[in-house]
Every structure is written in structure tokens, then in C-alpha cells.
Amino acid sequence: MSKRRKKSKYKNAVVGKKKYYFYKIRWIDITGDAGHKNEEEMDKLECCTMISQGYIYKIDKKKKTLTSFATFDEKEAVFSDTNIFPLGCILSKEKIKN
């Protein structure tokens, strides 16, 4: 009798025999504006909170980065729609369920 492999409850993709999980990543980004501002307007500037969705390729603690992708080739380990985030900019990561 063969063992049935338990299906993952999280959305994932297998690329080149490796499994990657799908995440919602909340991160903080700079806000830029080339216009003139007085002190009151300068004091109101805030960073943007952004949301990216994709598969986490790797988290490199030595380089302090997270690399993600959103598109991939189903026959080869080829990735597109890639991002690399400094870990210090990431507010949260949420693994997405199926």
C-alpha cells in the first residue's frame, strides 16, 4: 500500500523540483515629490505602505534580503516579475492558503 502525500493547505508552485509558497508581503517604501514644500508640509511627509503578492524565492539573512517572483516557466526553472526587498523594509509576510 503506497502512502498518500498530504496536500498542502497553502498556495504553492513547484518550479524545477522545488516548492515555493505564495505570500502577501507588506513593506514600506519611500515617498518622493520634486515640488517645493514649507516646513509644515515637510513635517506631514510619510512613507508608503505597499503590498506585493508573489512566491518567495529565498530569504538571505546574510545579505538581509528577500527575493520573490510572480511568474515562472512550467517546464524550466525560469522566473519573471521578480523583486528583491531589504528585510528592514518588510513589515509582514502572510502565507496564502489554498
PDB file of N, CA and C in Angstrom:
ATOM      1  N   MET A   1       0.840  -1.165   0.000  1.00  0.00           N
ATOM      2  CA  MET A   1       0.000   0.000   0.000  1.00  0.00           C
ATOM      3  C   MET A   1       0.897   1.245   0.000  1.00  0.00           C
ATOM      4  N   SER A   2       0.676   2.143  -0.945  1.00  0.00           N
ATOM      5  CA  SER A   2       1.503   3.357  -1.019  1.00  0.00           C
ATOM      6  C   SER A   2       0.912   4.454  -0.145  1.00  0.00           C
ATOM      7  N   LYS A   3       1.809   5.294   0.383  1.00  0.00           N
ATOM      8  CA  LYS A   3       1.370   6.404   1.224  1.00  0.00           C
ATOM      9  C   LYS A   3       0.889   7.551   0.342  1.00  0.00           C
ATOM     10  N   ARG A   4      -0.231   8.144   0.713  1.00  0.00           N
ATOM     11  CA  ARG A   4      -0.731   9.321   0.000  1.00  0.00           C
ATOM     12  C   ARG A   4      -0.043  10.541   0.563  1.00  0.00           C
ATOM     13  N   ARG A   5       0.455  11.368  -0.312  1.00  0.00           N
ATOM     14  CA  ARG A   5       1.099  12.601   0.107  1.00  0.00           C
ATOM     15  C   ARG A   5       0.025  13.604   0.520  1.00  0.00           C
ATOM     16  N   LYS A   6       0.204  14.188   1.699  1.00  0.00           N
ATOM     17  CA  LYS A   6      -0.757  15.158   2.222  1.00  0.00           C
ATOM     18  C   LYS A   6      -0.664  16.444   1.398  1.00  0.00           C
ATOM     19  N   LYS A   7      -1.826  16.927   0.939  1.00  0.00           N
ATOM     20  CA  LYS A   7      -1.885  18.152   0.156  1.00  0.00           C
ATOM     21  C   LYS A   7      -1.643  19.347   1.069  1.00  0.00           C
ATOM     22  N   SER A   8      -0.810  20.280   0.620  1.00  0.00           N
ATOM     23  CA  SER A   8      -0.517  21.474   1.398  1.00  0.00           C
ATOM     24  C   SER A   8      -1.743  22.364   1.474  1.00  0.00           C
ATOM     25  N   LYS A   9      -1.962  22.958   2.639  1.00  0.00           N
ATOM     26  CA  LYS A   9      -3.086  23.875   2.776  1.00  0.00           C
ATOM     27  C   LYS A   9      -2.721  25.278   2.282  1.00  0.00           C
ATOM     28  N   TYR A  10      -1.462  25.473   1.894  1.00  0.00           N
ATOM     29  CA  TYR A  10      -1.007  26.772   1.408  1.00  0.00           C
ATOM     30  C   TYR A  10      -0.772  26.746  -0.101  1.00  0.00           C
ATOM     31  N   LYS A  11      -1.078  27.870  -0.743  1.00  0.00           N
ATOM     32  CA  LYS A  11      -0.871  28.000  -2.181  1.00  0.00           C
ATOM     33  C   LYS A  11       0.626  27.912  -2.470  1.00  0.00           C
ATOM     34  N   ASN A  12       0.983  27.058  -3.433  1.00  0.00           N
ATOM     35  CA  ASN A  12       2.392  26.886  -3.758  1.00  0.00           C
ATOM     36  C   ASN A  12       2.563  26.544  -5.228  1.00  0.00           C
ATOM     37  N   ALA A  13       3.792  26.616  -5.680  1.00  0.00           N
ATOM     38  CA  ALA A  13       4.146  26.237  -7.048  1.00  0.00           C
ATOM     39  C   ALA A  13       5.430  25.421  -6.988  1.00  0.00           C
ATOM     40  N   VAL A  14       5.533  24.424  -7.843  1.00  0.00           N
ATOM     41  CA  VAL A  14       6.752  23.642  -7.951  1.00  0.00           C
ATOM     42  C   VAL A  14       7.449  24.065  -9.231  1.00  0.00           C
ATOM     43  N   VAL A  15       8.678  24.556  -9.064  1.00  0.00           N
ATOM     44  CA  VAL A  15       9.486  25.020 -10.192  1.00  0.00           C
ATOM     45  C   VAL A  15      10.834  24.336 -10.087  1.00  0.00           C
ATOM     46  N   GLY A  16      11.201  23.580 -11.129  1.00  0.00           N
ATOM     47  CA  GLY A  16      12.485  22.876 -11.096  1.00  0.00           C
ATOM     48  C   GLY A  16      12.626  21.956  -9.900  1.00  0.00           C
ATOM     49  N   LYS A  17      11.585  21.244  -9.546  1.00  0.00           N
ATOM     50  CA  LYS A  17      11.545  20.269  -8.452  1.00  0.00           C
ATOM     51  C   LYS A  17      11.611  20.898  -7.059  1.00  0.00           C
ATOM     52  N   LYS A  18      11.480  22.224  -6.960  1.00  0.00           N
ATOM     53  CA  LYS A  18      11.488  22.902  -5.669  1.00  0.00           C
ATOM     54  C   LYS A  18      10.137  23.574  -5.456  1.00  0.00           C
ATOM     55  N   LYS A  19       9.623  23.496  -4.219  1.00  0.00           N
ATOM     56  CA  LYS A  19       8.328  24.074  -3.890  1.00  0.00           C
ATOM     57  C   LYS A  19       8.518  25.483  -3.332  1.00  0.00           C
ATOM     58  N   TYR A  20       7.712  26.418  -3.853  1.00  0.00           N
ATOM     59  CA  TYR A  20       7.721  27.809  -3.405  1.00  0.00           C
ATOM     60  C   TYR A  20       6.315  28.155  -2.934  1.00  0.00           C
ATOM     61  N   TYR A  21       6.222  28.916  -1.840  1.00  0.00           N
ATOM     62  CA  TYR A  21       4.929  29.296  -1.282  1.00  0.00           C
ATOM     63  C   TYR A  21       4.571  30.734  -1.651  1.00  0.00           C
ATOM     64  N   PHE A  22       3.263  30.977  -1.790  1.00  0.00           N
ATOM     65  CA  PHE A  22       2.718  32.267  -2.200  1.00  0.00           C
ATOM     66  C   PHE A  22       2.438  33.118  -0.958  1.00  0.00           C
ATOM     67  N   TYR A  23       2.878  34.379  -0.990  1.00  0.00           N
ATOM     68  CA  TYR A  23       2.761  35.277   0.155  1.00  0.00           C
ATOM     69  C   TYR A  23       2.174  36.623  -0.238  1.00  0.00           C
ATOM     70  N   LYS A  24       1.577  37.265   0.747  1.00  0.00           N
ATOM     71  CA  LYS A  24       1.224  38.678   0.688  1.00  0.00           C
ATOM     72  C   LYS A  24       2.283  39.367   1.539  1.00  0.00           C
ATOM     73  N   ILE A  25       3.043  40.259   0.918  1.00  0.00           N
ATOM     74  CA  ILE A  25       4.158  40.928   1.595  1.00  0.00           C
ATOM     75  C   ILE A  25       3.809  42.405   1.765  1.00  0.00           C
ATOM     76  N   ARG A  26       3.759  42.883   3.010  1.00  0.00           N
ATOM     77  CA  ARG A  26       3.544  44.307   3.313  1.00  0.00           C
ATOM     78  C   ARG A  26       4.916  44.908   3.579  1.00  0.00           C
ATOM     79  N   TRP A  27       5.195  46.025   2.882  1.00  0.00           N
ATOM     80  CA  TRP A  27       6.507  46.640   3.039  1.00  0.00           C
ATOM     81  C   TRP A  27       6.408  48.156   2.945  1.00  0.00           C
ATOM     82  N   ILE A  28       7.425  48.810   3.457  1.00  0.00           N
ATOM     83  CA  ILE A  28       7.439  50.265   3.493  1.00  0.00           C
ATOM     84  C   ILE A  28       8.357  50.782   2.389  1.00  0.00           C
ATOM     85  N   ASP A  29       7.902  51.831   1.704  1.00  0.00           N
ATOM     86  CA  ASP A  29       8.627  52.386   0.558  1.00  0.00           C
ATOM     87  C   ASP A  29       8.797  53.892   0.742  1.00  0.00           C
ATOM     88  N   ILE A  30       9.765  54.443   0.047  1.00  0.00           N
ATOM     89  CA  ILE A  30       9.950  55.886   0.103  1.00  0.00           C
ATOM     90  C   ILE A  30       8.807  56.589  -0.622  1.00  0.00           C
ATOM     91  N   THR A  31       8.573  57.824  -0.244  1.00  0.00           N
ATOM     92  CA  THR A  31       7.634  58.688  -0.948  1.00  0.00           C
ATOM     93  C   THR A  31       8.455  59.857  -1.465  1.00  0.00           C
ATOM     94  N   GLY A  32       8.377  60.119  -2.751  1.00  0.00           N
ATOM     95  CA  GLY A  32       9.151  61.201  -3.336  1.00  0.00           C
ATOM     96  C   GLY A  32       8.263  62.229  -4.007  1.00  0.00           C
ATOM     97  N   ASP A  33       8.715  63.474  -3.962  1.00  0.00           N
ATOM     98  CA  ASP A  33       7.990  64.575  -4.597  1.00  0.00           C
ATOM     99  C   ASP A  33       9.014  65.660  -4.908  1.00  0.00           C
ATOM    100  N   ALA A  34       9.062  66.102  -6.139  1.00  0.00           N
ATOM    101  CA  ALA A  34      10.048  67.097  -6.550  1.00  0.00           C
ATOM    102  C   ALA A  34       9.571  68.532  -6.337  1.00  0.00           C
ATOM    103  N   GLY A  35       8.358  68.710  -5.825  1.00  0.00           N
ATOM    104  CA  GLY A  35       7.811  70.060  -5.635  1.00  0.00           C
ATOM    105  C   GLY A  35       8.378  70.748  -4.406  1.00  0.00           C
ATOM    106  N   HIS A  36       8.136  72.060  -4.328  1.00  0.00           N
ATOM    107  CA  HIS A  36       8.560  72.862  -3.177  1.00  0.00           C
ATOM    108  C   HIS A  36       7.625  72.621  -2.001  1.00  0.00           C
ATOM    109  N   LYS A  37       8.193  72.672  -0.770  1.00  0.00           N
ATOM    110  CA  LYS A  37       7.394  72.455   0.438  1.00  0.00           C
ATOM    111  C   LYS A  37       7.877  73.392   1.541  1.00  0.00           C
ATOM    112  N   ASN A  38       6.920  73.874   2.336  1.00  0.00           N
ATOM    113  CA  ASN A  38       7.293  74.638   3.518  1.00  0.00           C
ATOM    114  C   ASN A  38       7.499  73.663   4.678  1.00  0.00           C
ATOM    115  N   GLU A  39       7.856  74.157   5.852  1.00  0.00           N
ATOM    116  CA  GLU A  39       8.139  73.292   6.996  1.00  0.00           C
ATOM    117  C   GLU A  39       6.924  72.451   7.411  1.00  0.00           C
ATOM    118  N   GLU A  40       5.746  73.047   7.383  1.00  0.00           N
ATOM    119  CA  GLU A  40       4.531  72.318   7.764  1.00  0.00           C
ATOM    120  C   GLU A  40       4.284  71.142   6.823  1.00  0.00           C
ATOM    121  N   GLU A  41       4.445  71.377   5.530  1.00  0.00           N
ATOM    122  CA  GLU A  41       4.258  70.305   4.540  1.00  0.00           C
ATOM    123  C   GLU A  41       5.344  69.241   4.685  1.00  0.00           C
ATOM    124  N   MET A  42       6.576  69.661   4.983  1.00  0.00           N
ATOM    125  CA  MET A  42       7.671  68.696   5.175  1.00  0.00           C
ATOM    126  C   MET A  42       7.379  67.778   6.370  1.00  0.00           C
ATOM    127  N   ASP A  43       6.833  68.348   7.438  1.00  0.00           N
ATOM    128  CA  ASP A  43       6.550  67.568   8.641  1.00  0.00           C
ATOM    129  C   ASP A  43       5.425  66.559   8.438  1.00  0.00           C
ATOM    130  N   LYS A  44       4.613  66.713   7.408  1.00  0.00           N
ATOM    131  CA  LYS A  44       3.500  65.799   7.124  1.00  0.00           C
ATOM    132  C   LYS A  44       3.891  64.638   6.208  1.00  0.00           C
ATOM    133  N   LEU A  45       5.105  64.657   5.645  1.00  0.00           N
ATOM    134  CA  LEU A  45       5.527  63.584   4.735  1.00  0.00           C
ATOM    135  C   LEU A  45       5.570  62.242   5.465  1.00  0.00           C
ATOM    136  N   GLU A  46       5.107  61.199   4.793  1.00  0.00           N
ATOM    137  CA  GLU A  46       5.122  59.844   5.342  1.00  0.00           C
ATOM    138  C   GLU A  46       5.575  58.856   4.275  1.00  0.00           C
ATOM    139  N   CYS A  47       6.108  57.746   4.728  1.00  0.00           N
ATOM    140  CA  CYS A  47       6.437  56.661   3.805  1.00  0.00           C
ATOM    141  C   CYS A  47       5.150  55.957   3.381  1.00  0.00           C
ATOM    142  N   CYS A  48       5.197  55.266   2.248  1.00  0.00           N
ATOM    143  CA  CYS A  48       4.054  54.498   1.746  1.00  0.00           C
ATOM    144  C   CYS A  48       4.135  53.057   2.260  1.00  0.00           C
ATOM    145  N   THR A  49       2.993  52.486   2.612  1.00  0.00           N
ATOM    146  CA  THR A  49       2.927  51.058   2.921  1.00  0.00           C
ATOM    147  C   THR A  49       2.393  50.364   1.680  1.00  0.00           C
ATOM    148  N   MET A  50       3.209  49.484   1.114  1.00  0.00           N
ATOM    149  CA  MET A  50       2.901  48.808  -0.142  1.00  0.00           C
ATOM    150  C   MET A  50       2.588  47.335   0.124  1.00  0.00           C
ATOM    151  N   ILE A  51       1.861  46.722  -0.813  1.00  0.00           N
ATOM    152  CA  ILE A  51       1.569  45.288  -0.746  1.00  0.00           C
ATOM    153  C   ILE A  51       2.003  44.657  -2.066  1.00  0.00           C
ATOM    154  N   SER A  52       2.810  43.627  -1.960  1.00  0.00           N
ATOM    155  CA  SER A  52       3.201  42.820  -3.119  1.00  0.00           C
ATOM    156  C   SER A  52       2.753  41.394  -2.853  1.00  0.00           C
ATOM    157  N   GLN A  53       2.358  40.699  -3.914  1.00  0.00           N
ATOM    158  CA  GLN A  53       1.976  39.301  -3.788  1.00  0.00           C
ATOM    159  C   GLN A  53       2.835  38.480  -4.739  1.00  0.00           C
ATOM    160  N   GLY A  54       3.340  37.367  -4.248  1.00  0.00           N
ATOM    161  CA  GLY A  54       4.166  36.513  -5.081  1.00  0.00           C
ATOM    162  C   GLY A  54       4.738  35.361  -4.275  1.00  0.00           C
ATOM    163  N   TYR A  55       5.522  34.576  -4.959  1.00  0.00           N
ATOM    164  CA  TYR A  55       6.184  33.424  -4.354  1.00  0.00           C
ATOM    165  C   TYR A  55       7.524  33.874  -3.787  1.00  0.00           C
ATOM    166  N   ILE A  56       7.827  33.461  -2.566  1.00  0.00           N
ATOM    167  CA  ILE A  56       9.133  33.789  -2.001  1.00  0.00           C
ATOM    168  C   ILE A  56      10.148  32.800  -2.546  1.00  0.00           C
ATOM    169  N   TYR A  57      11.133  33.333  -3.238  1.00  0.00           N
ATOM    170  CA  TYR A  57      12.214  32.520  -3.800  1.00  0.00           C
ATOM    171  C   TYR A  57      13.218  32.164  -2.707  1.00  0.00           C
ATOM    172  N   LYS A  58      13.649  33.194  -1.956  1.00  0.00           N
ATOM    173  CA  LYS A  58      14.557  32.924  -0.845  1.00  0.00           C
ATOM    174  C   LYS A  58      14.628  34.133   0.076  1.00  0.00           C
ATOM    175  N   ILE A  59      15.004  33.845   1.306  1.00  0.00           N
ATOM    176  CA  ILE A  59      15.329  34.874   2.282  1.00  0.00           C
ATOM    177  C   ILE A  59      16.800  34.672   2.623  1.00  0.00           C
ATOM    178  N   ASP A  60      17.608  35.676   2.327  1.00  0.00           N
ATOM    179  CA  ASP A  60      19.052  35.605   2.557  1.00  0.00           C
ATOM    180  C   ASP A  60      19.376  36.450   3.786  1.00  0.00           C
ATOM    181  N   LYS A  61      19.558  35.786   4.924  1.00  0.00           N
ATOM    182  CA  LYS A  61      19.808  36.510   6.177  1.00  0.00           C
ATOM    183  C   LYS A  61      21.183  37.175   6.172  1.00  0.00           C
ATOM    184  N   LYS A  62      22.138  36.623   5.447  1.00  0.00           N
ATOM    185  CA  LYS A  62      23.476  37.219   5.380  1.00  0.00           C
ATOM    186  C   LYS A  62      23.429  38.557   4.629  1.00  0.00           C
ATOM    187  N   LYS A  63      22.729  38.574   3.498  1.00  0.00           N
ATOM    188  CA  LYS A  63      22.596  39.806   2.706  1.00  0.00           C
ATOM    189  C   LYS A  63      21.431  40.672   3.187  1.00  0.00           C
ATOM    190  N   LYS A  64      20.602  40.130   4.099  1.00  0.00           N
ATOM    191  CA  LYS A  64      19.439  40.814   4.650  1.00  0.00           C
ATOM    192  C   LYS A  64      18.445  41.212   3.553  1.00  0.00           C
ATOM    193  N   THR A  65      18.116  40.214   2.700  1.00  0.00           N
ATOM    194  CA  THR A  65      17.187  40.446   1.597  1.00  0.00           C
ATOM    195  C   THR A  65      16.177  39.309   1.474  1.00  0.00           C
ATOM    196  N   LEU A  66      15.042  39.621   0.858  1.00  0.00           N
ATOM    197  CA  LEU A  66      14.022  38.646   0.488  1.00  0.00           C
ATOM    198  C   LEU A  66      13.820  38.786  -1.013  1.00  0.00           C
ATOM    199  N   THR A  67      13.879  37.681  -1.739  1.00  0.00           N
ATOM    200  CA  THR A  67      13.694  37.684  -3.190  1.00  0.00           C
ATOM    201  C   THR A  67      12.395  36.963  -3.519  1.00  0.00           C
ATOM    202  N   SER A  68      11.583  37.575  -4.401  1.00  0.00           N
ATOM    203  CA  SER A  68      10.296  36.981  -4.771  1.00  0.00           C
ATOM    204  C   SER A  68      10.129  36.978  -6.286  1.00  0.00           C
ATOM    205  N   PHE A  69       9.141  36.193  -6.738  1.00  0.00           N
ATOM    206  CA  PHE A  69       8.761  36.159  -8.149  1.00  0.00           C
ATOM    207  C   PHE A  69       7.268  35.937  -8.239  1.00  0.00           C
ATOM    208  N   ALA A  70       6.678  36.333  -9.367  1.00  0.00           N
ATOM    209  CA  ALA A  70       5.240  36.149  -9.553  1.00  0.00           C
ATOM    210  C   ALA A  70       4.930  35.270 -10.764  1.00  0.00           C
ATOM    211  N   THR A  71       5.864  35.141 -11.675  1.00  0.00           N
ATOM    212  CA  THR A  71       5.646  34.385 -12.907  1.00  0.00           C
ATOM    213  C   THR A  71       6.794  33.402 -13.085  1.00  0.00           C
ATOM    214  N   PHE A  72       6.472  32.221 -13.644  1.00  0.00           N
ATOM    215  CA  PHE A  72       7.510  31.207 -13.837  1.00  0.00           C
ATOM    216  C   PHE A  72       7.158  30.322 -15.019  1.00  0.00           C
ATOM    217  N   ASP A  73       8.175  29.687 -15.584  1.00  0.00           N
ATOM    218  CA  ASP A  73       8.017  28.737 -16.688  1.00  0.00           C
ATOM    219  C   ASP A  73       7.642  27.384 -16.095  1.00  0.00           C
ATOM    220  N   GLU A  74       6.648  26.725 -16.660  1.00  0.00           N
ATOM    221  CA  GLU A  74       6.210  25.447 -16.091  1.00  0.00           C
ATOM    222  C   GLU A  74       7.116  24.280 -16.467  1.00  0.00           C
ATOM    223  N   LYS A  75       8.043  24.471 -17.425  1.00  0.00           N
ATOM    224  CA  LYS A  75       8.930  23.386 -17.840  1.00  0.00           C
ATOM    225  C   LYS A  75      10.356  23.534 -17.316  1.00  0.00           C
ATOM    226  N   GLU A  76      10.792  24.766 -17.070  1.00  0.00           N
ATOM    227  CA  GLU A  76      12.162  25.016 -16.625  1.00  0.00           C
ATOM    228  C   GLU A  76      12.151  25.947 -15.421  1.00  0.00           C
ATOM    229  N   ALA A  77      13.251  25.991 -14.704  1.00  0.00           N
ATOM    230  CA  ALA A  77      13.380  26.901 -13.560  1.00  0.00           C
ATOM    231  C   ALA A  77      13.756  28.287 -14.072  1.00  0.00           C
ATOM    232  N   VAL A  78      12.756  28.982 -14.616  1.00  0.00           N
ATOM    233  CA  VAL A  78      12.917  30.342 -15.148  1.00  0.00           C
ATOM    234  C   VAL A  78      11.860  31.216 -14.482  1.00  0.00           C
ATOM    235  N   PHE A  79      12.276  32.372 -13.952  1.00  0.00           N
ATOM    236  CA  PHE A  79      11.413  33.239 -13.159  1.00  0.00           C
ATOM    237  C   PHE A  79      11.293  34.622 -13.795  1.00  0.00           C
ATOM    238  N   SER A  80      10.124  35.259 -13.623  1.00  0.00           N
ATOM    239  CA  SER A  80       9.885  36.627 -14.097  1.00  0.00           C
ATOM    240  C   SER A  80       9.135  37.390 -13.006  1.00  0.00           C
ATOM    241  N   ASP A  81       8.929  38.685 -13.256  1.00  0.00           N
ATOM    242  CA  ASP A  81       8.237  39.543 -12.293  1.00  0.00           C
ATOM    243  C   ASP A  81       8.892  39.422 -10.914  1.00  0.00           C
ATOM    244  N   THR A  82      10.197  39.659 -10.873  1.00  0.00           N
ATOM    245  CA  THR A  82      10.983  39.455  -9.663  1.00  0.00           C
ATOM    246  C   THR A  82      11.164  40.750  -8.874  1.00  0.00           C
ATOM    247  N   ASN A  83      11.317  40.597  -7.576  1.00  0.00           N
ATOM    248  CA  ASN A  83      11.632  41.708  -6.676  1.00  0.00           C
ATOM    249  C   ASN A  83      12.654  41.237  -5.663  1.00  0.00           C
ATOM    250  N   ILE A  84      13.480  42.182  -5.188  1.00  0.00           N
ATOM    251  CA  ILE A  84      14.356  41.911  -4.055  1.00  0.00           C
ATOM    252  C   ILE A  84      14.143  43.041  -3.060  1.00  0.00           C
ATOM    253  N   PHE A  85      13.797  42.665  -1.827  1.00  0.00           N
ATOM    254  CA  PHE A  85      13.473  43.624  -0.774  1.00  0.00           C
ATOM    255  C   PHE A  85      14.557  43.600   0.297  1.00  0.00           C
ATOM    256  N   PRO A  86      14.962  44.761   0.818  1.00  0.00           N
ATOM    257  CA  PRO A  86      15.766  44.748   2.048  1.00  0.00           C
ATOM    258  C   PRO A  86      14.860  44.263   3.185  1.00  0.00           C
ATOM    259  N   LEU A  87      15.334  43.344   4.007  1.00  0.00           N
ATOM    260  CA  LEU A  87      14.499  42.808   5.090  1.00  0.00           C
ATOM    261  C   LEU A  87      14.006  43.906   6.023  1.00  0.00           C
ATOM    262  N   GLY A  88      14.766  44.970   6.187  1.00  0.00           N
ATOM    263  CA  GLY A  88      14.361  46.056   7.071  1.00  0.00           C
ATOM    264  C   GLY A  88      13.131  46.813   6.597  1.00  0.00           C
ATOM    265  N   CYS A  89      12.778  46.686   5.310  1.00  0.00           N
ATOM    266  CA  CYS A  89      11.596  47.362   4.754  1.00  0.00           C
ATOM    267  C   CYS A  89      10.328  46.531   4.903  1.00  0.00           C
ATOM    268  N   ILE A  90      10.459  45.259   5.217  1.00  0.00           N
ATOM    269  CA  ILE A  90       9.302  44.365   5.269  1.00  0.00           C
ATOM    270  C   ILE A  90       8.613  44.476   6.624  1.00  0.00           C
ATOM    271  N   LEU A  91       7.321  44.804   6.572  1.00  0.00           N
ATOM    272  CA  LEU A  91       6.520  44.920   7.782  1.00  0.00           C
ATOM    273  C   LEU A  91       5.923  43.580   8.188  1.00  0.00           C
ATOM    274  N   SER A  92       5.474  42.788   7.178  1.00  0.00           N
ATOM    275  CA  SER A  92       4.888  41.476   7.473  1.00  0.00           C
ATOM    276  C   SER A  92       4.865  40.616   6.221  1.00  0.00           C
ATOM    277  N   LYS A  93       4.786  39.284   6.450  1.00  0.00           N
ATOM    278  CA  LYS A  93       4.630  38.296   5.382  1.00  0.00           C
ATOM    279  C   LYS A  93       3.492  37.379   5.803  1.00  0.00           C
ATOM    280  N   GLU A  94       2.527  37.171   4.904  1.00  0.00           N
ATOM    281  CA  GLU A  94       1.398  36.292   5.209  1.00  0.00           C
ATOM    282  C   GLU A  94       1.328  35.197   4.141  1.00  0.00           C
ATOM    283  N   LYS A  95       1.517  33.950   4.566  1.00  0.00           N
ATOM    284  CA  LYS A  95       1.423  32.813   3.653  1.00  0.00           C
ATOM    285  C   LYS A  95      -0.038  32.631   3.284  1.00  0.00           C
ATOM    286  N   ILE A  96      -0.339  32.539   1.981  1.00  0.00           N
ATOM    287  CA  ILE A  96      -1.707  32.471   1.484  1.00  0.00           C
ATOM    288  C   ILE A  96      -2.178  31.012   1.425  1.00  0.00           C
ATOM    289  N   LYS A  97      -3.365  30.780   1.967  1.00  0.00           N
ATOM    290  CA  LYS A  97      -3.950  29.439   1.944  1.00  0.00           C
ATOM    291  C   LYS A  97      -4.608  29.175   0.611  1.00  0.00           C
ATOM    292  N   ASN A  98      -4.751  27.898   0.263  1.00  0.00           N
ATOM    293  CA  ASN A  98      -5.452  27.496  -0.965  1.00  0.00           C
ATOM    294  C   ASN A  98      -6.898  27.909  -0.922  1.00  0.00           C
TER     295      ASN A  98
END
